[in-house]
Amino acid sequence: MAKLLQIAIDGPASAGKSTIAKLVAHNLNYVYCDTGAMYRSVTWAAIQKDIPLDNELELEKVLDDITIKFVPSEDGQQVFVNNQEVTKEIRMPKISNNVSTVAAQVAVRKYLTDLQQKIASAGGIVMDGRDIGTTVLPDADIKIFMVASVKERALRRYKENISKGIDTPLAILEQEIEKRDYKDSTRSISPLVKAEDAIKLDTTNLTIEQVIVKIMKIIEKKA
């Protein structure tokens, strides 16, 4: 029986991690774990309770009373927080612009890292995020670090937002992504960095199909 692998895909905001990770998991018949949605879910729950997003003690109370669940659907995957569907809500700008603050809190990272490690313990998992290869799954069999230019990532986010009826100017999105990059890469806890043994993949000028082909070749070679 072939070994079930742990595959970590990291990178900055809007590098295409989630889209690629879902497709890779589908190709391999593996479980896909959207760690970003977990942090977004905690952020959403905290905002609903009007809790200061940098108040770790108050956020711990949110963690004590939160259940995050992923449910497969025809459109991909639905996200539920305490049995309420929040799939679209957690992708709104208010969440995107605040999730880095929540993700920087030690209690939040520990809670979700423990949960993610438990999910991945049996292998057969594709997990994407910002610290998967460095912190969550440091011994992952395959580590990919996806990057793309700020301009390209902003354009991708713009197109995604338009499809959801969100009309944020492209220039604003570029500013938000640059700010998010800074927050993610300079935070003291599990900052966004490329793991030493990760393979860097620049997707700026690549189609989704081309990225998938490259990653599948990496998996076949390493497996």
Protein backbone atom coordinates (compact mmCIF):
# COMPACT_ATOMS: atom_id res chain seq x y z
CA MET A 1 0.00 0.00 0.00
CA ALA A 2 1.36 3.42 -0.97
CA LYS A 3 2.16 5.75 1.90
CA LEU A 4 -0.42 8.45 2.54
CA LEU A 5 1.44 11.74 2.31
CA GLN A 6 1.24 15.01 4.18
CA ILE A 7 1.39 17.84 1.64
CA ALA A 8 1.91 21.41 2.83
CA ILE A 9 1.21 24.37 0.56
CA ASP A 10 2.17 27.77 1.95
CA GLY A 11 2.36 31.28 0.60
CA PRO A 12 1.05 34.84 0.92
CA ALA A 13 -2.54 36.04 0.49
CA SER A 14 -4.14 35.38 -2.90
CA ALA A 15 -1.23 33.32 -4.22
CA GLY A 16 -3.80 30.70 -5.25
CA LYS A 17 -3.08 28.24 -2.44
CA SER A 18 -6.64 27.20 -1.67
CA THR A 19 -7.65 26.72 -5.30
CA ILE A 20 -4.56 24.63 -6.02
CA ALA A 21 -4.72 22.66 -2.77
CA LYS A 22 -8.34 21.66 -3.44
CA LEU A 23 -7.48 20.40 -6.93
CA VAL A 24 -4.37 18.54 -5.79
CA ALA A 25 -6.37 16.87 -3.01
CA HIS A 26 -9.05 15.90 -5.54
CA ASN A 27 -6.46 14.42 -7.92
CA LEU A 28 -4.98 12.33 -5.13
CA ASN A 29 -8.30 11.53 -3.45
CA TYR A 30 -6.90 13.15 -0.30
CA VAL A 31 -8.55 15.28 2.37
CA TYR A 32 -8.23 19.03 1.88
CA CYS A 33 -7.87 21.19 4.99
CA ASP A 34 -8.43 24.93 4.53
CA THR A 35 -6.56 26.38 7.51
CA GLY A 36 -7.23 29.93 6.34
CA ALA A 37 -10.95 29.31 6.68
CA MET A 38 -10.35 28.24 10.28
CA TYR A 39 -8.67 31.55 11.16
CA ARG A 40 -11.36 33.42 9.27
CA SER A 41 -14.01 31.53 11.22
CA VAL A 42 -12.51 32.56 14.55
CA THR A 43 -12.29 36.14 13.29
CA TRP A 44 -15.92 36.06 12.23
CA ALA A 45 -17.01 34.66 15.61
CA ALA A 46 -15.04 37.34 17.47
CA ILE A 47 -16.53 40.14 15.37
CA GLN A 48 -20.02 38.75 15.98
CA LYS A 49 -19.39 39.07 19.71
CA ASP A 50 -17.84 42.53 19.28
CA ILE A 51 -14.58 41.37 20.86
CA PRO A 52 -11.37 43.40 20.34
CA LEU A 53 -9.41 41.29 17.86
CA ASP A 54 -6.09 41.82 19.64
CA ASN A 55 -7.45 40.87 23.07
CA GLU A 56 -6.10 37.37 23.61
CA LEU A 57 -7.99 36.72 26.84
CA GLU A 58 -11.33 37.53 25.20
CA LEU A 59 -10.43 35.47 22.13
CA GLU A 60 -9.75 32.49 24.40
CA LYS A 61 -13.40 32.67 25.46
CA VAL A 62 -14.40 32.49 21.78
CA LEU A 63 -12.20 29.41 21.34
CA ASP A 64 -13.82 27.75 24.36
CA ASP A 65 -17.20 28.00 22.66
CA ILE A 66 -16.51 27.43 18.96
CA THR A 67 -17.09 24.52 16.62
CA ILE A 68 -15.76 24.74 13.06
CA LYS A 69 -17.03 22.25 10.53
CA PHE A 70 -16.40 21.71 6.81
CA VAL A 71 -19.15 20.10 4.75
CA PRO A 72 -18.61 19.00 1.11
CA SER A 73 -20.99 20.57 -1.41
CA GLU A 74 -21.47 20.82 -5.16
CA ASP A 75 -19.70 24.20 -5.10
CA GLY A 76 -16.75 22.82 -3.18
CA GLN A 77 -16.94 23.15 0.58
CA GLN A 78 -19.27 24.85 3.04
CA VAL A 79 -17.99 26.25 6.32
CA PHE A 80 -20.06 26.17 9.51
CA VAL A 81 -19.33 27.93 12.79
CA ASN A 82 -21.44 26.66 15.68
CA ASN A 83 -23.84 25.13 13.12
CA GLN A 84 -24.29 28.42 11.23
CA GLU A 85 -23.10 28.47 7.62
CA VAL A 86 -20.53 31.25 7.12
CA THR A 87 -18.98 30.19 3.80
CA LYS A 88 -19.51 33.57 2.12
CA GLU A 89 -19.36 35.73 5.23
CA ILE A 90 -15.78 34.72 6.09
CA ARG A 91 -14.58 35.83 2.64
CA MET A 92 -15.87 39.38 3.01
CA PRO A 93 -13.36 42.28 3.15
CA LYS A 94 -14.03 42.93 6.84
CA ILE A 95 -12.78 39.44 7.65
CA SER A 96 -9.90 39.50 5.14
CA ASN A 97 -8.60 42.77 6.55
CA ASN A 98 -8.70 41.62 10.18
CA VAL A 99 -7.79 37.94 10.11
CA SER A 100 -4.04 38.63 10.38
CA THR A 101 -4.61 40.35 13.74
CA VAL A 102 -6.48 37.35 15.10
CA ALA A 103 -3.98 34.90 13.62
CA ALA A 104 -1.15 36.68 15.45
CA GLN A 105 -2.61 35.80 18.88
CA VAL A 106 -0.77 32.94 20.59
CA ALA A 107 -3.90 31.27 21.97
CA VAL A 108 -5.58 31.21 18.57
CA ARG A 109 -2.54 29.77 16.80
CA LYS A 110 -2.03 27.07 19.44
CA TYR A 111 -5.69 26.05 19.38
CA LEU A 112 -5.88 25.80 15.59
CA THR A 113 -2.40 24.30 15.15
CA ASP A 114 -3.29 21.46 17.54
CA LEU A 115 -6.53 20.87 15.65
CA GLN A 116 -4.78 20.91 12.27
CA GLN A 117 -2.11 18.47 13.42
CA LYS A 118 -4.79 16.11 14.66
CA ILE A 119 -6.58 16.27 11.30
CA ALA A 120 -3.33 15.53 9.43
CA SER A 121 -2.00 12.80 11.72
CA ALA A 122 -3.04 9.89 9.49
CA GLY A 123 -1.66 11.42 6.29
CA GLY A 124 -3.56 11.60 3.03
CA ILE A 125 -3.91 15.35 3.53
CA VAL A 126 -3.32 18.52 1.55
CA MET A 127 -3.16 21.52 3.86
CA ASP A 128 -2.63 25.12 2.83
CA GLY A 129 -1.79 28.18 4.88
CA ARG A 130 1.13 30.37 5.90
CA ASP A 131 2.97 28.25 8.44
CA ILE A 132 2.07 24.69 7.50
CA GLY A 133 5.54 23.62 6.41
CA THR A 134 7.30 25.47 9.21
CA THR A 135 5.05 25.00 12.24
CA VAL A 136 1.93 22.88 11.70
CA LEU A 137 3.50 20.05 9.68
CA PRO A 138 7.28 20.57 9.92
CA ASP A 139 7.84 16.96 8.87
CA ALA A 140 5.46 17.05 5.90
CA ASP A 141 6.53 14.79 3.04
CA ILE A 142 6.13 17.55 0.46
CA LYS A 143 6.28 21.30 0.98
CA ILE A 144 5.37 23.87 -1.67
CA PHE A 145 5.79 27.62 -1.18
CA MET A 146 3.63 29.46 -3.72
CA VAL A 147 4.30 33.09 -4.58
CA ALA A 148 3.06 35.65 -7.11
CA SER A 149 3.49 39.39 -7.63
CA VAL A 150 1.34 41.77 -5.58
CA LYS A 151 -0.21 43.10 -8.78
CA GLU A 152 -1.19 39.63 -9.96
CA ARG A 153 -2.56 38.61 -6.57
CA ALA A 154 -4.63 41.79 -6.34
CA LEU A 155 -6.04 41.11 -9.80
CA ARG A 156 -7.00 37.58 -8.78
CA ARG A 157 -8.70 38.86 -5.62
CA TYR A 158 -10.48 41.54 -7.67
CA LYS A 159 -11.90 38.97 -10.11
CA GLU A 160 -12.95 36.71 -7.24
CA ASN A 161 -14.66 39.59 -5.46
CA ILE A 162 -16.51 40.71 -8.60
CA SER A 163 -17.86 37.18 -9.04
CA LYS A 164 -19.25 37.46 -5.49
CA GLY A 165 -20.73 40.91 -6.03
CA ILE A 166 -17.98 42.71 -4.10
CA ASP A 167 -16.64 45.75 -5.97
CA THR A 168 -13.42 46.90 -4.30
CA PRO A 169 -11.08 49.03 -6.47
CA LEU A 170 -7.99 47.19 -7.68
CA ALA A 171 -5.65 49.81 -6.19
CA ILE A 172 -7.22 49.33 -2.75
CA LEU A 173 -6.77 45.57 -3.02
CA GLU A 174 -3.09 46.01 -3.84
CA GLN A 175 -2.67 48.14 -0.72
CA GLU A 176 -4.55 45.62 1.42
CA ILE A 177 -2.45 42.71 0.14
CA GLU A 178 0.81 44.56 0.76
CA LYS A 179 -0.38 45.35 4.29
CA ARG A 180 -1.41 41.72 4.83
CA ASP A 181 1.99 40.51 3.59
CA TYR A 182 3.74 42.78 6.08
CA LYS A 183 1.58 41.65 8.99
CA ASP A 184 1.97 37.96 8.12
CA SER A 185 5.73 38.07 7.58
CA THR A 186 6.63 40.20 10.61
CA ARG A 187 4.42 38.71 13.32
CA SER A 188 6.35 37.13 16.20
CA ILE A 189 4.39 33.88 16.21
CA SER A 190 4.74 31.57 13.19
CA PRO A 191 5.51 34.27 10.61
CA LEU A 192 5.07 33.68 6.90
CA VAL A 193 8.43 32.30 5.76
CA LYS A 194 9.51 29.64 3.30
CA ALA A 195 10.55 26.40 5.00
CA GLU A 196 14.16 25.51 4.19
CA ASP A 197 13.08 22.28 2.48
CA ALA A 198 10.10 23.76 0.62
CA ILE A 199 10.02 24.11 -3.15
CA LYS A 200 9.30 27.68 -4.26
CA LEU A 201 6.80 28.00 -7.08
CA ASP A 202 6.12 31.39 -8.70
CA THR A 203 2.60 31.32 -10.17
CA THR A 204 2.52 34.90 -11.50
CA ASN A 205 2.50 33.87 -15.17
CA LEU A 206 1.05 30.38 -14.79
CA THR A 207 -2.49 29.13 -15.32
CA ILE A 208 -4.17 26.96 -12.70
CA GLU A 209 -3.66 23.94 -14.94
CA GLN A 210 0.06 24.66 -15.32
CA VAL A 211 0.51 24.99 -11.56
CA ILE A 212 -1.29 21.69 -10.97
CA VAL A 213 0.93 19.92 -13.51
CA LYS A 214 4.08 21.25 -11.83
CA ILE A 215 2.94 20.24 -8.35
CA MET A 216 1.80 16.78 -9.43
CA LYS A 217 5.26 16.22 -10.99
CA ILE A 218 6.87 17.26 -7.69
CA ILE A 219 4.65 14.83 -5.81
CA GLU A 220 5.36 11.97 -8.23
CA LYS A 221 9.11 12.61 -8.00
CA LYS A 222 9.21 12.83 -4.21
CA ALA A 223 6.75 10.02 -3.59
